[in-house]
Amino acid sequence: FRQAPGKEREFVGAIRWNDGYTYYADSMKGRFTISRDTAKNTVDQQMN
């Protein structure tokens, strides 16, 4: 999620842990990519 000054917190994207299926807000599709590493318990967000 993200929150800009004076604005409410908004959804950016998410990833389902069991299969890696991703969800994105429309404004982020094609620019942001979420991935996970189950071995390291980490999730990354590449923002282009």
All heavy atoms as atom14 arrays in JSON, in Angstrom:
{
  "sequence": "FRQAPGKEREFVGAIRWNDGYTYYADSMKGRFTISRDTAKNTVDQQMN",
  "atom14_mask": [
    [1, 1, 1, 1, 1, 1, 1, 1, 1, 1, 1, 0, 0, 0],
    [1, 1, 1, 1, 1, 1, 1, 1, 1, 1, 1, 0, 0, 0],
    [1, 1, 1, 1, 1, 1, 1, 1, 1, 0, 0, 0, 0, 0],
    [1, 1, 1, 1, 1, 0, 0, 0, 0, 0, 0, 0, 0, 0],
    [1, 1, 1, 1, 1, 1, 1, 0, 0, 0, 0, 0, 0, 0],
    [1, 1, 1, 1, 0, 0, 0, 0, 0, 0, 0, 0, 0, 0],
    [1, 1, 1, 1, 1, 1, 1, 1, 1, 0, 0, 0, 0, 0],
    [1, 1, 1, 1, 1, 1, 1, 1, 1, 0, 0, 0, 0, 0],
    [1, 1, 1, 1, 1, 1, 1, 1, 1, 1, 1, 0, 0, 0],
    [1, 1, 1, 1, 1, 1, 1, 1, 1, 0, 0, 0, 0, 0],
    [1, 1, 1, 1, 1, 1, 1, 1, 1, 1, 1, 0, 0, 0],
    [1, 1, 1, 1, 1, 1, 1, 0, 0, 0, 0, 0, 0, 0],
    [1, 1, 1, 1, 0, 0, 0, 0, 0, 0, 0, 0, 0, 0],
    [1, 1, 1, 1, 1, 0, 0, 0, 0, 0, 0, 0, 0, 0],
    [1, 1, 1, 1, 1, 1, 1, 1, 0, 0, 0, 0, 0, 0],
    [1, 1, 1, 1, 1, 1, 1, 1, 1, 1, 1, 0, 0, 0],
    [1, 1, 1, 1, 1, 1, 1, 1, 1, 1, 1, 1, 1, 1],
    [1, 1, 1, 1, 1, 1, 1, 1, 0, 0, 0, 0, 0, 0],
    [1, 1, 1, 1, 1, 1, 1, 1, 0, 0, 0, 0, 0, 0],
    [1, 1, 1, 1, 0, 0, 0, 0, 0, 0, 0, 0, 0, 0],
    [1, 1, 1, 1, 1, 1, 1, 1, 1, 1, 1, 1, 0, 0],
    [1, 1, 1, 1, 1, 1, 1, 0, 0, 0, 0, 0, 0, 0],
    [1, 1, 1, 1, 1, 1, 1, 1, 1, 1, 1, 1, 0, 0],
    [1, 1, 1, 1, 1, 1, 1, 1, 1, 1, 1, 1, 0, 0],
    [1, 1, 1, 1, 1, 0, 0, 0, 0, 0, 0, 0, 0, 0],
    [1, 1, 1, 1, 1, 1, 1, 1, 0, 0, 0, 0, 0, 0],
    [1, 1, 1, 1, 1, 1, 0, 0, 0, 0, 0, 0, 0, 0],
    [1, 1, 1, 1, 1, 1, 1, 1, 0, 0, 0, 0, 0, 0],
    [1, 1, 1, 1, 1, 1, 1, 1, 1, 0, 0, 0, 0, 0],
    [1, 1, 1, 1, 0, 0, 0, 0, 0, 0, 0, 0, 0, 0],
    [1, 1, 1, 1, 1, 1, 1, 1, 1, 1, 1, 0, 0, 0],
    [1, 1, 1, 1, 1, 1, 1, 1, 1, 1, 1, 0, 0, 0],
    [1, 1, 1, 1, 1, 1, 1, 0, 0, 0, 0, 0, 0, 0],
    [1, 1, 1, 1, 1, 1, 1, 1, 0, 0, 0, 0, 0, 0],
    [1, 1, 1, 1, 1, 1, 0, 0, 0, 0, 0, 0, 0, 0],
    [1, 1, 1, 1, 1, 1, 1, 1, 1, 1, 1, 0, 0, 0],
    [1, 1, 1, 1, 1, 1, 1, 1, 0, 0, 0, 0, 0, 0],
    [1, 1, 1, 1, 1, 1, 1, 0, 0, 0, 0, 0, 0, 0],
    [1, 1, 1, 1, 1, 0, 0, 0, 0, 0, 0, 0, 0, 0],
    [1, 1, 1, 1, 1, 1, 1, 1, 1, 0, 0, 0, 0, 0],
    [1, 1, 1, 1, 1, 1, 1, 1, 0, 0, 0, 0, 0, 0],
    [1, 1, 1, 1, 1, 1, 1, 0, 0, 0, 0, 0, 0, 0],
    [1, 1, 1, 1, 1, 1, 1, 0, 0, 0, 0, 0, 0, 0],
    [1, 1, 1, 1, 1, 1, 1, 1, 0, 0, 0, 0, 0, 0],
    [1, 1, 1, 1, 1, 1, 1, 1, 1, 0, 0, 0, 0, 0],
    [1, 1, 1, 1, 1, 1, 1, 1, 1, 0, 0, 0, 0, 0],
    [1, 1, 1, 1, 1, 1, 1, 1, 0, 0, 0, 0, 0, 0],
    [1, 1, 1, 1, 1, 1, 1, 1, 0, 0, 0, 0, 0, 0]
  ],
  "atom14_positions": [
    [[0.84, -1.18, 0.0], [0.0, 0.0, 0.0], [0.89, 1.24, 0.0], [2.08, 1.16, 0.3], [-0.92, 0.02, 1.23], [-2.01, -1.0, 1.2], [-1.75, -2.34, 1.46], [-3.32, -0.64, 0.92], [-2.76, -3.28, 1.43], [-4.34, -1.57, 0.9], [-4.05, -2.9, 1.15], [0.0, 0.0, 0.0], [0.0, 0.0, 0.0], [0.0, 0.0, 0.0]],
    [[0.3, 2.37, -0.32], [1.05, 3.61, -0.26], [0.16, 4.73, 0.25], [-1.06, 4.69, 0.12], [1.64, 3.98, -1.63], [0.61, 4.39, -2.67], [1.27, 4.62, -4.01], [0.35, 5.13, -5.01], [0.66, 5.32, -6.28], [1.89, 5.04, -6.72], [-0.25, 5.79, -7.13], [0.0, 0.0, 0.0], [0.0, 0.0, 0.0], [0.0, 0.0, 0.0]],
    [[0.8, 5.73, 0.81], [0.07, 6.87, 1.35], [0.85, 8.15, 1.11], [1.97, 8.29, 1.59], [-0.2, 6.68, 2.85], [-1.11, 7.74, 3.45], [-1.61, 7.36, 4.83], [-1.0, 6.53, 5.5], [-2.7, 7.95, 5.24], [0.0, 0.0, 0.0], [0.0, 0.0, 0.0], [0.0, 0.0, 0.0], [0.0, 0.0, 0.0], [0.0, 0.0, 0.0]],
    [[0.24, 9.05, 0.37], [0.81, 10.36, 0.12], [0.29, 11.34, 1.16], [-0.77, 11.12, 1.75], [0.46, 10.83, -1.28], [0.0, 0.0, 0.0], [0.0, 0.0, 0.0], [0.0, 0.0, 0.0], [0.0, 0.0, 0.0], [0.0, 0.0, 0.0], [0.0, 0.0, 0.0], [0.0, 0.0, 0.0], [0.0, 0.0, 0.0], [0.0, 0.0, 0.0]],
    [[1.01, 12.44, 1.39], [0.56, 13.43, 2.37], [-0.84, 13.94, 2.08], [-1.15, 14.31, 0.94], [1.59, 14.55, 2.24], [2.83, 13.87, 1.74], [2.32, 12.8, 0.81], [0.0, 0.0, 0.0], [0.0, 0.0, 0.0], [0.0, 0.0, 0.0], [0.0, 0.0, 0.0], [0.0, 0.0, 0.0], [0.0, 0.0, 0.0], [0.0, 0.0, 0.0]],
    [[-1.69, 13.93, 3.09], [-3.04, 14.41, 2.94], [-4.0, 13.46, 2.25], [-5.16, 13.82, 2.02], [0.0, 0.0, 0.0], [0.0, 0.0, 0.0], [0.0, 0.0, 0.0], [0.0, 0.0, 0.0], [0.0, 0.0, 0.0], [0.0, 0.0, 0.0], [0.0, 0.0, 0.0], [0.0, 0.0, 0.0], [0.0, 0.0, 0.0], [0.0, 0.0, 0.0]],
    [[-3.54, 12.27, 1.92], [-4.38, 11.3, 1.24], [-4.5, 10.02, 2.04], [-3.68, 9.74, 2.92], [-3.82, 10.99, -0.16], [-3.78, 12.18, -1.09], [-3.29, 11.78, -2.47], [-3.28, 12.96, -3.42], [-2.79, 12.56, -4.77], [0.0, 0.0, 0.0], [0.0, 0.0, 0.0], [0.0, 0.0, 0.0], [0.0, 0.0, 0.0], [0.0, 0.0, 0.0]],
    [[-5.51, 9.25, 1.72], [-5.72, 7.98, 2.39], [-4.77, 6.92, 1.84], [-4.29, 7.02, 0.71], [-7.17, 7.52, 2.24], [-8.18, 8.43, 2.92], [-9.59, 7.89, 2.84], [-9.81, 6.9, 2.11], [-10.47, 8.45, 3.51], [0.0, 0.0, 0.0], [0.0, 0.0, 0.0], [0.0, 0.0, 0.0], [0.0, 0.0, 0.0], [0.0, 0.0, 0.0]],
    [[-4.54, 5.91, 2.65], [-3.71, 4.81, 2.21], [-4.42, 4.04, 1.1], [-5.6, 3.7, 1.23], [-3.4, 3.9, 3.39], [-2.3, 2.9, 3.15], [-1.83, 2.26, 4.46], [-1.3, 3.26, 5.37], [-0.7, 2.97, 6.52], [-0.57, 1.7, 6.9], [-0.26, 3.94, 7.3], [0.0, 0.0, 0.0], [0.0, 0.0, 0.0], [0.0, 0.0, 0.0]],
    [[-3.71, 3.75, 0.02], [-4.31, 3.09, -1.12], [-3.57, 1.82, -1.5], [-2.36, 1.7, -1.29], [-4.39, 4.03, -2.33], [-3.05, 4.42, -2.9], [-3.16, 5.21, -4.19], [-4.24, 5.2, -4.8], [-2.16, 5.85, -4.58], [0.0, 0.0, 0.0], [0.0, 0.0, 0.0], [0.0, 0.0, 0.0], [0.0, 0.0, 0.0], [0.0, 0.0, 0.0]],
    [[-4.29, 0.91, -2.1], [-3.75, -0.36, -2.53], [-2.84, -0.2, -3.74], [-3.16, 0.52, -4.68], [-4.9, -1.32, -2.85], [-4.47, -2.63, -3.42], [-3.96, -3.63, -2.61], [-4.6, -2.89, -4.77], [-3.57, -4.85, -3.13], [-4.22, -4.1, -5.31], [-3.7, -5.08, -4.48], [0.0, 0.0, 0.0], [0.0, 0.0, 0.0], [0.0, 0.0, 0.0]],
    [[-1.71, -0.88, -3.73], [-0.78, -0.88, -4.84], [-0.79, -2.24, -5.55], [-1.0, -2.32, -6.76], [0.65, -0.55, -4.39], [1.63, -0.67, -5.55], [0.71, 0.85, -3.79], [0.0, 0.0, 0.0], [0.0, 0.0, 0.0], [0.0, 0.0, 0.0], [0.0, 0.0, 0.0], [0.0, 0.0, 0.0], [0.0, 0.0, 0.0], [0.0, 0.0, 0.0]],
    [[-0.56, -3.28, -4.8], [-0.54, -4.62, -5.36], [-0.39, -5.65, -4.26], [-0.11, -5.31, -3.11], [0.0, 0.0, 0.0], [0.0, 0.0, 0.0], [0.0, 0.0, 0.0], [0.0, 0.0, 0.0], [0.0, 0.0, 0.0], [0.0, 0.0, 0.0], [0.0, 0.0, 0.0], [0.0, 0.0, 0.0], [0.0, 0.0, 0.0], [0.0, 0.0, 0.0]],
    [[-0.58, -6.91, -4.62], [-0.48, -7.98, -3.64], [-0.11, -9.28, -4.35], [-0.23, -9.39, -5.58], [-1.79, -8.15, -2.87], [0.0, 0.0, 0.0], [0.0, 0.0, 0.0], [0.0, 0.0, 0.0], [0.0, 0.0, 0.0], [0.0, 0.0, 0.0], [0.0, 0.0, 0.0], [0.0, 0.0, 0.0], [0.0, 0.0, 0.0], [0.0, 0.0, 0.0]],
    [[0.31, -10.24, -3.56], [0.68, -11.54, -4.1], [0.15, -12.63, -3.19], [0.32, -12.57, -1.97], [2.2, -11.65, -4.3], [2.56, -12.97, -4.99], [2.95, -11.51, -2.98], [3.99, -12.99, -5.52], [0.0, 0.0, 0.0], [0.0, 0.0, 0.0], [0.0, 0.0, 0.0], [0.0, 0.0, 0.0], [0.0, 0.0, 0.0], [0.0, 0.0, 0.0]],
    [[-0.5, -13.61, -3.78], [-1.0, -14.75, -3.03], [0.16, -15.7, -2.78], [0.91, -16.04, -3.69], [-2.12, -15.44, -3.81], [-2.89, -16.48, -3.02], [-4.22, -16.79, -3.69], [-4.07, -17.28, -5.04], [-5.05, -17.35, -5.94], [-6.26, -16.93, -5.62], [-4.81, -17.83, -7.15], [0.0, 0.0, 0.0], [0.0, 0.0, 0.0], [0.0, 0.0, 0.0]],
    [[0.32, -16.13, -1.54], [1.55, -16.82, -1.18], [1.66, -18.24, -1.71], [2.76, -18.68, -2.05], [1.72, -16.83, 0.35], [3.15, -16.84, 0.75], [3.85, -17.87, 1.29], [4.07, -15.75, 0.62], [5.15, -17.5, 1.51], [5.32, -16.2, 1.11], [3.96, -14.44, 0.15], [6.45, -15.39, 1.13], [5.08, -13.63, 0.17], [6.3, -14.11, 0.65]],
    [[0.56, -18.93, -1.81], [0.66, -20.34, -2.18], [1.05, -20.56, -3.64], [1.77, -21.52, -3.95], [-0.64, -21.08, -1.87], [-1.83, -20.53, -2.62], [-1.73, -19.54, -3.34], [-2.97, -21.19, -2.45], [0.0, 0.0, 0.0], [0.0, 0.0, 0.0], [0.0, 0.0, 0.0], [0.0, 0.0, 0.0], [0.0, 0.0, 0.0], [0.0, 0.0, 0.0]],
    [[0.6, -19.69, -4.53], [0.89, -19.89, -5.95], [1.52, -18.69, -6.64], [1.85, -18.76, -7.83], [-0.37, -20.31, -6.7], [-1.49, -19.3, -6.61], [-1.29, -18.24, -5.99], [-2.57, -19.57, -7.16], [0.0, 0.0, 0.0], [0.0, 0.0, 0.0], [0.0, 0.0, 0.0], [0.0, 0.0, 0.0], [0.0, 0.0, 0.0], [0.0, 0.0, 0.0]],
    [[1.68, -17.58, -5.93], [2.32, -16.42, -6.5], [1.44, -15.57, -7.4], [1.95, -14.69, -8.09], [0.0, 0.0, 0.0], [0.0, 0.0, 0.0], [0.0, 0.0, 0.0], [0.0, 0.0, 0.0], [0.0, 0.0, 0.0], [0.0, 0.0, 0.0], [0.0, 0.0, 0.0], [0.0, 0.0, 0.0], [0.0, 0.0, 0.0], [0.0, 0.0, 0.0]],
    [[0.14, -15.81, -7.41], [-0.76, -15.0, -8.22], [-0.75, -13.57, -7.72], [-0.8, -13.33, -6.51], [-2.17, -15.57, -8.18], [-3.08, -15.0, -9.23], [-3.18, -15.6, -10.47], [-3.83, -13.86, -8.98], [-4.01, -15.08, -11.45], [-4.66, -13.33, -9.95], [-4.75, -13.94, -11.18], [-5.57, -13.42, -12.15], [0.0, 0.0, 0.0], [0.0, 0.0, 0.0]],
    [[-0.69, -12.62, -8.64], [-0.57, -11.22, -8.26], [-1.8, -10.41, -8.61], [-2.55, -10.73, -9.53], [0.65, -10.57, -8.93], [0.61, -10.81, -10.34], [1.94, -11.15, -8.37], [0.0, 0.0, 0.0], [0.0, 0.0, 0.0], [0.0, 0.0, 0.0], [0.0, 0.0, 0.0], [0.0, 0.0, 0.0], [0.0, 0.0, 0.0], [0.0, 0.0, 0.0]],
    [[-1.98, -9.34, -7.88], [-3.06, -8.4, -8.06], [-2.47, -6.99, -8.06], [-1.58, -6.69, -7.26], [-4.1, -8.52, -6.94], [-4.64, -9.92, -6.74], [-3.91, -10.87, -6.02], [-5.87, -10.29, -7.25], [-4.39, -12.14, -5.84], [-6.36, -11.57, -7.07], [-5.62, -12.49, -6.36], [-6.11, -13.77, -6.18], [0.0, 0.0, 0.0], [0.0, 0.0, 0.0]],
    [[-2.98, -6.13, -8.94], [-2.46, -4.78, -9.04], [-3.58, -3.77, -9.2], [-4.6, -4.04, -9.82], [-1.52, -4.63, -10.23], [-0.31, -5.51, -10.2], [-0.28, -6.7, -10.91], [0.82, -5.16, -9.46], [0.84, -7.52, -10.89], [1.93, -5.97, -9.43], [1.93, -7.15, -10.15], [3.05, -7.95, -10.13], [0.0, 0.0, 0.0], [0.0, 0.0, 0.0]],
    [[-3.36, -2.6, -8.64], [-4.23, -1.49, -8.95], [-4.01, -1.1, -10.42], [-2.92, -1.28, -10.96], [-3.94, -0.3, -8.04], [0.0, 0.0, 0.0], [0.0, 0.0, 0.0], [0.0, 0.0, 0.0], [0.0, 0.0, 0.0], [0.0, 0.0, 0.0], [0.0, 0.0, 0.0], [0.0, 0.0, 0.0], [0.0, 0.0, 0.0], [0.0, 0.0, 0.0]],
    [[-5.04, -0.58, -11.05], [-4.97, -0.29, -12.49], [-3.81, 0.63, -12.85], [-3.17, 0.45, -13.88], [-6.29, 0.32, -12.96], [-7.42, -0.69, -13.0], [-7.14, -1.9, -13.0], [-8.59, -0.26, -13.05], [0.0, 0.0, 0.0], [0.0, 0.0, 0.0], [0.0, 0.0, 0.0], [0.0, 0.0, 0.0], [0.0, 0.0, 0.0], [0.0, 0.0, 0.0]],
    [[-3.55, 1.62, -12.02], [-2.5, 2.59, -12.33], [-1.1, 2.0, -12.25], [-0.15, 2.6, -12.74], [-2.62, 3.8, -11.41], [-2.45, 3.44, -10.06], [0.0, 0.0, 0.0], [0.0, 0.0, 0.0], [0.0, 0.0, 0.0], [0.0, 0.0, 0.0], [0.0, 0.0, 0.0], [0.0, 0.0, 0.0], [0.0, 0.0, 0.0], [0.0, 0.0, 0.0]],
    [[-0.95, 0.84, -11.64], [0.35, 0.21, -11.5], [0.6, -0.9, -12.51], [1.75, -1.32, -12.68], [0.51, -0.37, -10.09], [0.7, 0.67, -9.0], [-0.87, 1.51, -8.64], [-0.43, 2.5, -7.23], [0.0, 0.0, 0.0], [0.0, 0.0, 0.0], [0.0, 0.0, 0.0], [0.0, 0.0, 0.0], [0.0, 0.0, 0.0], [0.0, 0.0, 0.0]],
    [[-0.43, -1.38, -13.15], [-0.29, -2.48, -14.09], [0.65, -2.1, -15.23], [0.54, -1.04, -15.82], [-1.65, -2.88, -14.65], [-2.58, -3.5, -13.63], [-3.91, -3.87, -14.25], [-4.84, -4.5, -13.22], [-6.17, -4.82, -13.8], [0.0, 0.0, 0.0], [0.0, 0.0, 0.0], [0.0, 0.0, 0.0], [0.0, 0.0, 0.0], [0.0, 0.0, 0.0]],
    [[1.61, -2.98, -15.49], [2.58, -2.73, -16.54], [3.81, -1.99, -16.07], [4.81, -1.95, -16.78], [0.0, 0.0, 0.0], [0.0, 0.0, 0.0], [0.0, 0.0, 0.0], [0.0, 0.0, 0.0], [0.0, 0.0, 0.0], [0.0, 0.0, 0.0], [0.0, 0.0, 0.0], [0.0, 0.0, 0.0], [0.0, 0.0, 0.0], [0.0, 0.0, 0.0]],
    [[3.76, -1.4, -14.89], [4.89, -0.66, -14.33], [5.47, -1.32, -13.09], [6.68, -1.3, -12.89], [4.49, 0.78, -13.99], [4.01, 1.6, -15.18], [3.9, 3.07, -14.81], [2.97, 3.29, -13.71], [3.27, 3.94, -12.58], [4.5, 4.42, -12.42], [2.36, 4.11, -11.65], [0.0, 0.0, 0.0], [0.0, 0.0, 0.0], [0.0, 0.0, 0.0]],
    [[4.6, -1.86, -12.26], [5.03, -2.48, -11.01], [4.91, -3.99, -11.11], [3.97, -4.51, -11.71], [4.17, -2.0, -9.84], [4.35, -0.55, -9.49], [5.12, 0.3, -10.27], [3.75, -0.05, -8.35], [5.28, 1.64, -9.93], [3.9, 1.28, -8.0], [4.66, 2.13, -8.79], [0.0, 0.0, 0.0], [0.0, 0.0, 0.0], [0.0, 0.0, 0.0]],
    [[5.86, -4.68, -10.52], [5.85, -6.14, -10.5], [6.18, -6.63, -9.1], [7.2, -6.25, -8.53], [6.86, -6.73, -11.49], [6.58, -6.26, -12.81], [6.78, -8.25, -11.47], [0.0, 0.0, 0.0], [0.0, 0.0, 0.0], [0.0, 0.0, 0.0], [0.0, 0.0, 0.0], [0.0, 0.0, 0.0], [0.0, 0.0, 0.0], [0.0, 0.0, 0.0]],
    [[5.31, -7.46, -8.56], [5.5, -8.02, -7.23], [5.95, -9.47, -7.35], [5.4, -10.23, -8.16], [4.21, -7.92, -6.4], [3.82, -6.46, -6.19], [4.35, -8.63, -5.06], [2.5, -6.26, -5.49], [0.0, 0.0, 0.0], [0.0, 0.0, 0.0], [0.0, 0.0, 0.0], [0.0, 0.0, 0.0], [0.0, 0.0, 0.0], [0.0, 0.0, 0.0]],
    [[6.91, -9.83, -6.55], [7.41, -11.2, -6.53], [7.69, -11.61, -5.1], [7.78, -10.77, -4.2], [8.67, -11.35, -7.39], [9.71, -10.51, -6.92], [0.0, 0.0, 0.0], [0.0, 0.0, 0.0], [0.0, 0.0, 0.0], [0.0, 0.0, 0.0], [0.0, 0.0, 0.0], [0.0, 0.0, 0.0], [0.0, 0.0, 0.0], [0.0, 0.0, 0.0]],
    [[7.83, -12.91, -4.89], [8.09, -13.41, -3.54], [9.2, -14.44, -3.57], [9.44, -15.07, -4.6], [6.81, -14.03, -2.94], [6.54, -15.47, -3.4], [5.08, -15.81, -3.39], [4.83, -17.25, -3.48], [4.95, -17.96, -4.58], [5.37, -17.39, -5.71], [4.67, -19.26, -4.57], [0.0, 0.0, 0.0], [0.0, 0.0, 0.0], [0.0, 0.0, 0.0]],
    [[9.85, -14.58, -2.45], [10.84, -15.62, -2.24], [10.41, -16.37, -0.99], [10.63, -15.9, 0.12], [12.24, -15.02, -2.09], [13.32, -16.08, -2.06], [13.07, -17.21, -1.63], [14.46, -15.76, -2.47], [0.0, 0.0, 0.0], [0.0, 0.0, 0.0], [0.0, 0.0, 0.0], [0.0, 0.0, 0.0], [0.0, 0.0, 0.0], [0.0, 0.0, 0.0]],
    [[9.8, -17.52, -1.18], [9.27, -18.27, -0.05], [10.36, -18.79, 0.88], [10.12, -18.99, 2.07], [8.41, -19.43, -0.53], [9.18, -20.28, -1.39], [7.2, -18.92, -1.31], [0.0, 0.0, 0.0], [0.0, 0.0, 0.0], [0.0, 0.0, 0.0], [0.0, 0.0, 0.0], [0.0, 0.0, 0.0], [0.0, 0.0, 0.0], [0.0, 0.0, 0.0]],
    [[11.54, -19.02, 0.34], [12.64, -19.51, 1.15], [13.17, -18.44, 2.1], [13.66, -18.76, 3.19], [13.78, -20.04, 0.27], [0.0, 0.0, 0.0], [0.0, 0.0, 0.0], [0.0, 0.0, 0.0], [0.0, 0.0, 0.0], [0.0, 0.0, 0.0], [0.0, 0.0, 0.0], [0.0, 0.0, 0.0], [0.0, 0.0, 0.0], [0.0, 0.0, 0.0]],
    [[13.07, -17.19, 1.7], [13.59, -16.09, 2.5], [12.5, -15.29, 3.2], [12.8, -14.34, 3.93], [14.43, -15.15, 1.64], [15.65, -15.8, 1.03], [16.59, -14.76, 0.43], [15.95, -14.01, -0.7], [16.91, -13.06, -1.34], [0.0, 0.0, 0.0], [0.0, 0.0, 0.0], [0.0, 0.0, 0.0], [0.0, 0.0, 0.0], [0.0, 0.0, 0.0]],
    [[11.24, -15.65, 2.98], [10.12, -14.92, 3.56], [10.16, -13.44, 3.18], [9.99, -12.56, 4.02], [10.08, -15.06, 5.08], [9.57, -16.39, 5.55], [9.05, -17.2, 4.77], [9.71, -16.65, 6.84], [0.0, 0.0, 0.0], [0.0, 0.0, 0.0], [0.0, 0.0, 0.0], [0.0, 0.0, 0.0], [0.0, 0.0, 0.0], [0.0, 0.0, 0.0]],
    [[10.38, -13.18, 1.91], [10.45, -11.81, 1.44], [9.54, -11.6, 0.25], [9.25, -12.53, -0.51], [11.87, -11.4, 1.04], [12.36, -12.29, 0.02], [12.8, -11.47, 2.24], [0.0, 0.0, 0.0], [0.0, 0.0, 0.0], [0.0, 0.0, 0.0], [0.0, 0.0, 0.0], [0.0, 0.0, 0.0], [0.0, 0.0, 0.0], [0.0, 0.0, 0.0]],
    [[9.11, -10.38, 0.09], [8.34, -9.97, -1.07], [8.95, -8.69, -1.61], [9.27, -7.78, -0.85], [6.84, -9.79, -0.75], [6.65, -8.73, 0.34], [6.06, -9.42, -1.99], [0.0, 0.0, 0.0], [0.0, 0.0, 0.0], [0.0, 0.0, 0.0], [0.0, 0.0, 0.0], [0.0, 0.0, 0.0], [0.0, 0.0, 0.0], [0.0, 0.0, 0.0]],
    [[9.13, -8.63, -2.92], [9.73, -7.48, -3.56], [8.73, -6.79, -4.46], [7.77, -7.4, -4.95], [10.95, -7.88, -4.39], [12.14, -8.28, -3.55], [12.06, -8.21, -2.31], [13.16, -8.7, -4.15], [0.0, 0.0, 0.0], [0.0, 0.0, 0.0], [0.0, 0.0, 0.0], [0.0, 0.0, 0.0], [0.0, 0.0, 0.0], [0.0, 0.0, 0.0]],
    [[8.95, -5.53, -4.68], [8.15, -4.76, -5.61], [9.07, -3.97, -6.51], [9.7, -3.0, -6.07], [7.17, -3.83, -4.89], [6.31, -3.01, -5.84], [5.2, -2.28, -5.14], [4.04, -2.69, -5.2], [5.55, -1.19, -4.46], [0.0, 0.0, 0.0], [0.0, 0.0, 0.0], [0.0, 0.0, 0.0], [0.0, 0.0, 0.0], [0.0, 0.0, 0.0]],
    [[9.17, -4.38, -7.76], [9.94, -3.66, -8.76], [9.07, -2.58, -9.36], [8.0, -2.87, -9.9], [10.43, -4.61, -9.84], [11.23, -3.95, -10.95], [12.55, -3.4, -10.48], [13.23, -4.04, -9.7], [12.91, -2.21, -10.94], [0.0, 0.0, 0.0], [0.0, 0.0, 0.0], [0.0, 0.0, 0.0], [0.0, 0.0, 0.0], [0.0, 0.0, 0.0]],
    [[9.52, -1.35, -9.28], [8.75, -0.21, -9.76], [9.52, 0.47, -10.89], [10.61, 0.98, -10.68], [8.48, 0.78, -8.63], [7.8, 0.15, -7.42], [7.33, 1.36, -6.15], [8.95, 1.96, -5.68], [0.0, 0.0, 0.0], [0.0, 0.0, 0.0], [0.0, 0.0, 0.0], [0.0, 0.0, 0.0], [0.0, 0.0, 0.0], [0.0, 0.0, 0.0]],
    [[8.92, 0.46, -12.07], [9.52, 1.06, -13.25], [8.67, 2.23, -13.74], [7.52, 2.36, -13.39], [9.68, 0.03, -14.36], [10.57, -1.13, -13.98], [11.54, -0.97, -13.25], [10.25, -2.31, -14.5], [0.0, 0.0, 0.0], [0.0, 0.0, 0.0], [0.0, 0.0, 0.0], [0.0, 0.0, 0.0], [0.0, 0.0, 0.0], [0.0, 0.0, 0.0]]
  ]
}
